[in-house]
Amino acid sequence: MKQKIIFISAALALLALFVVSTLIFKNKQQSAAQAHVQVNQEALMRMHSPIIGAQNAKVTIVEFLDPACEACAVFYPFIKELMAKNPEQIRLVIRYAPLHQGAEQVIAVLEAARKQGKYWPALETLLATQDQWTKNHQANVDLVLPLLAPLGLDMAQLQTDMQSSGIQILIQQEIADAQALGVNKTPSYFVNGKLLQSFGYQQLSDLVDEALKK
């Protein structure tokens, strides 16, 4: 009986040690990730970034997205819902992290649509129809263009702008910034400069609420 108690006590002690060590390791990882963001603050937002919401909003959500990313399409309505619940208090900044094959061309389409004042309708159209132009995690830009035609875009001009050096340089800057910030999955969110480290609807909502209350 005594040996059994000793064995159980030892097992519980080892379990507690494992849990504490895991928490310490996780906290160190999170601290290191946030410190990395602080060092690379200039990469978080650029003058060219698409922004929606009040200019003086209390909370800024920076989202690194890939238009071909399924989770990005799923989360976008949730972000809009958060903004609708907090009018004038939240603004959204879009950055790109093209991690899927073909995504860079789709980003070029979006930026070309922006030149015609149709960025947000184009983004929402592409996210809503993502399953029509993304197959096996690969984006097909040829399937994207017909979906945007109803927006009243000058499609010939759009295809010319897609190839422009300005848009190509912008995309390369986005990729460089994503790498500098350690963004390796999409969507990745930063709320008032703080990285959302544990991904999920509730976690994002909690981080936004925390920023709103400050």
C-alpha atoms as a PDB file:
ATOM      1  CA  MET A   1       0.000   0.000   0.000  1.00  0.00           C
ATOM      2  CA  LYS A   2       2.813   2.370   0.936  1.00  0.00           C
ATOM      3  CA  GLN A   3       4.606   1.653  -2.331  1.00  0.00           C
ATOM      4  CA  LYS A   4       1.402   2.367  -4.236  1.00  0.00           C
ATOM      5  CA  ILE A   5       1.037   5.752  -2.526  1.00  0.00           C
ATOM      6  CA  ILE A   6       4.657   6.589  -3.296  1.00  0.00           C
ATOM      7  CA  PHE A   7       4.171   5.590  -6.934  1.00  0.00           C
ATOM      8  CA  ILE A   8       0.996   7.702  -7.303  1.00  0.00           C
ATOM      9  CA  SER A   9       2.649  10.673  -5.589  1.00  0.00           C
ATOM     10  CA  ALA A  10       5.657  10.430  -7.878  1.00  0.00           C
ATOM     11  CA  ALA A  11       3.428  10.195 -10.939  1.00  0.00           C
ATOM     12  CA  LEU A  12       1.435  13.260  -9.865  1.00  0.00           C
ATOM     13  CA  ALA A  13       4.630  15.180  -9.184  1.00  0.00           C
ATOM     14  CA  LEU A  14       5.961  14.327 -12.643  1.00  0.00           C
ATOM     15  CA  LEU A  15       2.652  15.337 -14.234  1.00  0.00           C
ATOM     16  CA  ALA A  16       2.692  18.655 -12.383  1.00  0.00           C
ATOM     17  CA  LEU A  17       6.292  19.222 -13.445  1.00  0.00           C
ATOM     18  CA  PHE A  18       5.366  18.482 -17.059  1.00  0.00           C
ATOM     19  CA  VAL A  19       2.402  20.889 -16.987  1.00  0.00           C
ATOM     20  CA  VAL A  20       4.461  23.680 -15.389  1.00  0.00           C
ATOM     21  CA  SER A  21       7.346  23.144 -17.833  1.00  0.00           C
ATOM     22  CA  THR A  22       4.940  23.211 -20.778  1.00  0.00           C
ATOM     23  CA  LEU A  23       3.360  26.459 -19.564  1.00  0.00           C
ATOM     24  CA  ILE A  24       6.760  28.067 -19.035  1.00  0.00           C
ATOM     25  CA  PHE A  25       7.888  26.981 -22.506  1.00  0.00           C
ATOM     26  CA  LYS A  26       4.661  28.278 -24.084  1.00  0.00           C
ATOM     27  CA  ASN A  27       4.934  31.603 -22.271  1.00  0.00           C
ATOM     28  CA  LYS A  28       8.535  31.981 -23.403  1.00  0.00           C
ATOM     29  CA  GLN A  29       7.495  31.245 -26.982  1.00  0.00           C
ATOM     30  CA  GLN A  30       4.694  33.825 -26.831  1.00  0.00           C
ATOM     31  CA  SER A  31       6.973  36.435 -25.287  1.00  0.00           C
ATOM     32  CA  ALA A  32       9.597  35.824 -27.955  1.00  0.00           C
ATOM     33  CA  ALA A  33       7.013  36.095 -30.732  1.00  0.00           C
ATOM     34  CA  GLN A  34       5.661  39.390 -29.365  1.00  0.00           C
ATOM     35  CA  ALA A  35       9.180  40.747 -28.882  1.00  0.00           C
ATOM     36  CA  HIS A  36       9.853  39.870 -32.524  1.00  0.00           C
ATOM     37  CA  VAL A  37       6.786  41.902 -33.534  1.00  0.00           C
ATOM     38  CA  GLN A  38       7.946  44.880 -31.448  1.00  0.00           C
ATOM     39  CA  VAL A  39      11.326  44.865 -33.140  1.00  0.00           C
ATOM     40  CA  ASN A  40       9.652  44.833 -36.567  1.00  0.00           C
ATOM     41  CA  GLN A  41       6.833  47.331 -35.918  1.00  0.00           C
ATOM     42  CA  GLU A  42       7.551  49.199 -39.115  1.00  0.00           C
ATOM     43  CA  ALA A  43       6.577  46.080 -41.067  1.00  0.00           C
ATOM     44  CA  LEU A  44       3.119  45.916 -39.513  1.00  0.00           C
ATOM     45  CA  MET A  45       1.489  48.671 -41.552  1.00  0.00           C
ATOM     46  CA  ARG A  46       2.394  50.414 -44.772  1.00  0.00           C
ATOM     47  CA  MET A  47       1.051  53.524 -46.439  1.00  0.00           C
ATOM     48  CA  HIS A  48      -0.275  51.377 -49.275  1.00  0.00           C
ATOM     49  CA  SER A  49      -2.320  49.068 -47.018  1.00  0.00           C
ATOM     50  CA  PRO A  50      -6.085  48.862 -47.705  1.00  0.00           C
ATOM     51  CA  ILE A  51      -7.955  50.126 -44.631  1.00  0.00           C
ATOM     52  CA  ILE A  52     -11.635  50.067 -43.764  1.00  0.00           C
ATOM     53  CA  GLY A  53     -13.181  51.686 -40.699  1.00  0.00           C
ATOM     54  CA  ALA A  54     -12.799  54.978 -38.884  1.00  0.00           C
ATOM     55  CA  GLN A  55      -9.381  56.593 -39.229  1.00  0.00           C
ATOM     56  CA  ASN A  56      -9.266  57.399 -35.487  1.00  0.00           C
ATOM     57  CA  ALA A  57     -10.666  54.058 -34.326  1.00  0.00           C
ATOM     58  CA  LYS A  58      -9.527  52.909 -30.900  1.00  0.00           C
ATOM     59  CA  VAL A  59      -8.667  49.435 -32.162  1.00  0.00           C
ATOM     60  CA  THR A  60      -6.712  48.548 -35.270  1.00  0.00           C
ATOM     61  CA  ILE A  61      -6.832  44.965 -36.494  1.00  0.00           C
ATOM     62  CA  VAL A  62      -4.065  44.139 -38.932  1.00  0.00           C
ATOM     63  CA  GLU A  63      -4.869  40.972 -40.834  1.00  0.00           C
ATOM     64  CA  PHE A  64      -2.369  39.100 -42.961  1.00  0.00           C
ATOM     65  CA  LEU A  65      -4.475  37.148 -45.405  1.00  0.00           C
ATOM     66  CA  ASP A  66      -4.115  34.967 -48.424  1.00  0.00           C
ATOM     67  CA  PRO A  67      -7.159  35.304 -50.701  1.00  0.00           C
ATOM     68  CA  ALA A  68      -6.903  31.581 -51.467  1.00  0.00           C
ATOM     69  CA  CYS A  69      -6.908  30.667 -47.771  1.00  0.00           C
ATOM     70  CA  GLU A  70     -10.115  28.936 -46.695  1.00  0.00           C
ATOM     71  CA  ALA A  71      -9.858  30.102 -43.071  1.00  0.00           C
ATOM     72  CA  CYS A  72      -9.458  33.711 -44.273  1.00  0.00           C
ATOM     73  CA  ALA A  73     -12.748  33.442 -46.145  1.00  0.00           C
ATOM     74  CA  VAL A  74     -14.445  31.914 -43.104  1.00  0.00           C
ATOM     75  CA  PHE A  75     -13.123  34.562 -40.695  1.00  0.00           C
ATOM     76  CA  TYR A  76     -13.848  37.618 -42.847  1.00  0.00           C
ATOM     77  CA  PRO A  77     -17.597  37.794 -41.966  1.00  0.00           C
ATOM     78  CA  PHE A  78     -16.647  37.433 -38.302  1.00  0.00           C
ATOM     79  CA  ILE A  79     -14.359  40.475 -38.537  1.00  0.00           C
ATOM     80  CA  LYS A  80     -17.138  42.452 -40.197  1.00  0.00           C
ATOM     81  CA  GLU A  81     -19.474  41.397 -37.406  1.00  0.00           C
ATOM     82  CA  LEU A  82     -17.001  42.611 -34.782  1.00  0.00           C
ATOM     83  CA  MET A  83     -16.765  45.942 -36.578  1.00  0.00           C
ATOM     84  CA  ALA A  84     -20.545  46.246 -36.877  1.00  0.00           C
ATOM     85  CA  LYS A  85     -20.915  45.632 -33.134  1.00  0.00           C
ATOM     86  CA  ASN A  86     -18.407  48.387 -32.400  1.00  0.00           C
ATOM     87  CA  PRO A  87     -19.081  51.131 -34.945  1.00  0.00           C
ATOM     88  CA  GLU A  88     -16.338  53.719 -35.293  1.00  0.00           C
ATOM     89  CA  GLN A  89     -14.144  51.848 -32.799  1.00  0.00           C
ATOM     90  CA  ILE A  90     -12.482  49.230 -34.989  1.00  0.00           C
ATOM     91  CA  ARG A  91     -10.647  49.554 -38.263  1.00  0.00           C
ATOM     92  CA  LEU A  92      -9.252  46.754 -40.376  1.00  0.00           C
ATOM     93  CA  VAL A  93      -5.945  46.876 -42.211  1.00  0.00           C
ATOM     94  CA  ILE A  94      -5.350  44.245 -44.869  1.00  0.00           C
ATOM     95  CA  ARG A  95      -1.875  42.855 -45.469  1.00  0.00           C
ATOM     96  CA  TYR A  96      -0.982  39.892 -47.644  1.00  0.00           C
ATOM     97  CA  ALA A  97       0.852  36.663 -47.024  1.00  0.00           C
ATOM     98  CA  PRO A  98       0.462  34.658 -50.243  1.00  0.00           C
ATOM     99  CA  LEU A  99       1.152  31.138 -49.049  1.00  0.00           C
ATOM    100  CA  HIS A 100      -0.952  29.246 -51.616  1.00  0.00           C
ATOM    101  CA  GLN A 101       0.219  28.589 -55.144  1.00  0.00           C
ATOM    102  CA  GLY A 102      -1.164  31.231 -57.501  1.00  0.00           C
ATOM    103  CA  ALA A 103      -2.195  33.581 -54.677  1.00  0.00           C
ATOM    104  CA  GLU A 104       0.209  36.324 -55.776  1.00  0.00           C
ATOM    105  CA  GLN A 105      -1.683  36.688 -59.058  1.00  0.00           C
ATOM    106  CA  VAL A 106      -4.983  36.963 -57.211  1.00  0.00           C
ATOM    107  CA  ILE A 107      -3.498  39.675 -55.000  1.00  0.00           C
ATOM    108  CA  ALA A 108      -2.423  41.468 -58.173  1.00  0.00           C
ATOM    109  CA  VAL A 109      -6.061  41.286 -59.329  1.00  0.00           C
ATOM    110  CA  LEU A 110      -7.238  42.821 -56.049  1.00  0.00           C
ATOM    111  CA  GLU A 111      -4.707  45.631 -56.221  1.00  0.00           C
ATOM    112  CA  ALA A 112      -5.606  46.299 -59.843  1.00  0.00           C
ATOM    113  CA  ALA A 113      -9.279  46.456 -58.817  1.00  0.00           C
ATOM    114  CA  ARG A 114      -8.279  48.956 -56.124  1.00  0.00           C
ATOM    115  CA  LYS A 115      -6.959  51.269 -58.813  1.00  0.00           C
ATOM    116  CA  GLN A 116     -10.553  51.385 -60.080  1.00  0.00           C
ATOM    117  CA  GLY A 117     -12.041  51.975 -56.636  1.00  0.00           C
ATOM    118  CA  LYS A 118     -13.412  48.432 -56.357  1.00  0.00           C
ATOM    119  CA  TYR A 119     -11.077  46.847 -53.824  1.00  0.00           C
ATOM    120  CA  TRP A 120     -13.551  45.897 -51.100  1.00  0.00           C
ATOM    121  CA  PRO A 121     -16.272  44.597 -53.446  1.00  0.00           C
ATOM    122  CA  ALA A 122     -13.586  42.588 -55.267  1.00  0.00           C
ATOM    123  CA  LEU A 123     -12.172  41.151 -52.028  1.00  0.00           C
ATOM    124  CA  GLU A 124     -15.605  40.177 -50.723  1.00  0.00           C
ATOM    125  CA  THR A 125     -16.563  38.643 -54.070  1.00  0.00           C
ATOM    126  CA  LEU A 126     -13.405  36.549 -54.199  1.00  0.00           C
ATOM    127  CA  LEU A 127     -13.696  35.355 -50.608  1.00  0.00           C
ATOM    128  CA  ALA A 128     -17.359  34.451 -51.145  1.00  0.00           C
ATOM    129  CA  THR A 129     -16.600  32.513 -54.344  1.00  0.00           C
ATOM    130  CA  GLN A 130     -13.273  31.073 -53.277  1.00  0.00           C
ATOM    131  CA  ASP A 131     -14.323  27.454 -53.902  1.00  0.00           C
ATOM    132  CA  GLN A 132     -14.916  28.332 -57.568  1.00  0.00           C
ATOM    133  CA  TRP A 133     -11.377  29.444 -58.306  1.00  0.00           C
ATOM    134  CA  THR A 134      -9.307  27.539 -55.771  1.00  0.00           C
ATOM    135  CA  LYS A 135      -8.821  23.834 -56.290  1.00  0.00           C
ATOM    136  CA  ASN A 136      -6.582  21.633 -54.166  1.00  0.00           C
ATOM    137  CA  HIS A 137      -5.181  24.732 -52.412  1.00  0.00           C
ATOM    138  CA  GLN A 138      -4.115  26.279 -55.720  1.00  0.00           C
ATOM    139  CA  ALA A 139      -5.545  29.547 -57.007  1.00  0.00           C
ATOM    140  CA  ASN A 140      -6.467  29.804 -60.691  1.00  0.00           C
ATOM    141  CA  VAL A 141      -6.484  33.467 -61.697  1.00  0.00           C
ATOM    142  CA  ASP A 142      -8.185  32.651 -65.018  1.00  0.00           C
ATOM    143  CA  LEU A 143     -11.252  31.599 -63.035  1.00  0.00           C
ATOM    144  CA  VAL A 144     -11.114  34.746 -60.916  1.00  0.00           C
ATOM    145  CA  LEU A 145     -11.493  37.343 -63.639  1.00  0.00           C
ATOM    146  CA  PRO A 146     -15.002  36.364 -64.880  1.00  0.00           C
ATOM    147  CA  LEU A 147     -16.279  36.513 -61.302  1.00  0.00           C
ATOM    148  CA  LEU A 148     -15.255  40.173 -61.026  1.00  0.00           C
ATOM    149  CA  ALA A 149     -16.693  41.304 -64.340  1.00  0.00           C
ATOM    150  CA  PRO A 150     -20.155  42.072 -62.803  1.00  0.00           C
ATOM    151  CA  LEU A 151     -18.525  44.698 -60.563  1.00  0.00           C
ATOM    152  CA  GLY A 152     -18.242  47.000 -63.545  1.00  0.00           C
ATOM    153  CA  LEU A 153     -14.476  46.860 -63.776  1.00  0.00           C
ATOM    154  CA  ASP A 154     -12.558  47.726 -66.919  1.00  0.00           C
ATOM    155  CA  MET A 155     -11.214  44.207 -67.293  1.00  0.00           C
ATOM    156  CA  ALA A 156      -8.693  45.061 -69.999  1.00  0.00           C
ATOM    157  CA  GLN A 157      -7.202  47.811 -67.834  1.00  0.00           C
ATOM    158  CA  LEU A 158      -7.268  45.506 -64.821  1.00  0.00           C
ATOM    159  CA  GLN A 159      -5.216  42.873 -66.626  1.00  0.00           C
ATOM    160  CA  THR A 160      -2.727  45.522 -67.683  1.00  0.00           C
ATOM    161  CA  ASP A 161      -2.450  46.917 -64.145  1.00  0.00           C
ATOM    162  CA  MET A 162      -1.942  43.434 -62.710  1.00  0.00           C
ATOM    163  CA  GLN A 163       1.396  43.271 -64.484  1.00  0.00           C
ATOM    164  CA  SER A 164       2.519  46.762 -63.485  1.00  0.00           C
ATOM    165  CA  SER A 165       5.809  47.143 -61.672  1.00  0.00           C
ATOM    166  CA  GLY A 166       4.081  49.128 -58.919  1.00  0.00           C
ATOM    167  CA  ILE A 167       1.795  46.246 -57.991  1.00  0.00           C
ATOM    168  CA  GLN A 168       4.555  43.668 -58.272  1.00  0.00           C
ATOM    169  CA  ILE A 169       6.796  45.737 -55.970  1.00  0.00           C
ATOM    170  CA  LEU A 170       3.907  46.112 -53.514  1.00  0.00           C
ATOM    171  CA  ILE A 171       3.417  42.345 -53.390  1.00  0.00           C
ATOM    172  CA  GLN A 172       7.097  41.738 -52.776  1.00  0.00           C
ATOM    173  CA  GLN A 173       6.994  44.284 -49.928  1.00  0.00           C
ATOM    174  CA  GLU A 174       4.033  42.424 -48.425  1.00  0.00           C
ATOM    175  CA  ILE A 175       5.911  39.141 -48.570  1.00  0.00           C
ATOM    176  CA  ALA A 176       9.010  40.695 -47.012  1.00  0.00           C
ATOM    177  CA  ASP A 177       6.961  42.240 -44.192  1.00  0.00           C
ATOM    178  CA  ALA A 178       5.127  38.984 -43.494  1.00  0.00           C
ATOM    179  CA  GLN A 179       8.460  37.188 -43.243  1.00  0.00           C
ATOM    180  CA  ALA A 180       9.919  39.914 -41.021  1.00  0.00           C
ATOM    181  CA  LEU A 181       6.994  39.505 -38.621  1.00  0.00           C
ATOM    182  CA  GLY A 182       7.199  35.719 -38.660  1.00  0.00           C
ATOM    183  CA  VAL A 183       3.806  35.302 -40.328  1.00  0.00           C
ATOM    184  CA  ASN A 184       3.740  31.704 -41.566  1.00  0.00           C
ATOM    185  CA  LYS A 185       0.018  31.013 -41.590  1.00  0.00           C
ATOM    186  CA  THR A 186      -3.138  32.841 -42.578  1.00  0.00           C
ATOM    187  CA  PRO A 187      -5.112  34.534 -41.346  1.00  0.00           C
ATOM    188  CA  SER A 188      -2.742  36.086 -38.811  1.00  0.00           C
ATOM    189  CA  TYR A 189      -4.046  38.934 -36.687  1.00  0.00           C
ATOM    190  CA  PHE A 190      -2.434  41.779 -34.773  1.00  0.00           C
ATOM    191  CA  VAL A 191      -4.679  43.860 -32.514  1.00  0.00           C
ATOM    192  CA  ASN A 192      -3.161  47.248 -31.698  1.00  0.00           C
ATOM    193  CA  GLY A 193       0.198  45.688 -32.470  1.00  0.00           C
ATOM    194  CA  LYS A 194      -0.357  42.635 -30.289  1.00  0.00           C
ATOM    195  CA  LEU A 195      -0.109  39.285 -32.034  1.00  0.00           C
ATOM    196  CA  LEU A 196      -3.050  36.892 -31.669  1.00  0.00           C
ATOM    197  CA  GLN A 197      -1.073  33.853 -30.603  1.00  0.00           C
ATOM    198  CA  SER A 198      -3.838  31.373 -29.856  1.00  0.00           C
ATOM    199  CA  PHE A 199      -6.008  31.225 -32.958  1.00  0.00           C
ATOM    200  CA  GLY A 200      -9.795  31.153 -32.777  1.00  0.00           C
ATOM    201  CA  TYR A 201     -12.955  33.248 -32.876  1.00  0.00           C
ATOM    202  CA  GLN A 202     -13.181  33.630 -29.113  1.00  0.00           C
ATOM    203  CA  GLN A 203      -9.490  34.385 -28.736  1.00  0.00           C
ATOM    204  CA  LEU A 204      -9.691  37.135 -31.339  1.00  0.00           C
ATOM    205  CA  SER A 205     -12.881  38.528 -29.827  1.00  0.00           C
ATOM    206  CA  ASP A 206     -11.260  38.546 -26.368  1.00  0.00           C
ATOM    207  CA  LEU A 207      -8.165  40.340 -27.668  1.00  0.00           C
ATOM    208  CA  VAL A 208     -10.322  42.984 -29.357  1.00  0.00           C
ATOM    209  CA  ASP A 209     -12.426  43.422 -26.199  1.00  0.00           C
ATOM    210  CA  GLU A 210      -9.229  43.829 -24.161  1.00  0.00           C
ATOM    211  CA  ALA A 211      -8.068  46.582 -26.514  1.00  0.00           C
ATOM    212  CA  LEU A 212     -11.476  48.289 -26.476  1.00  0.00           C
ATOM    213  CA  LYS A 213     -11.486  48.444 -22.667  1.00  0.00           C
ATOM    214  CA  LYS A 214      -8.082  50.099 -22.374  1.00  0.00           C
END
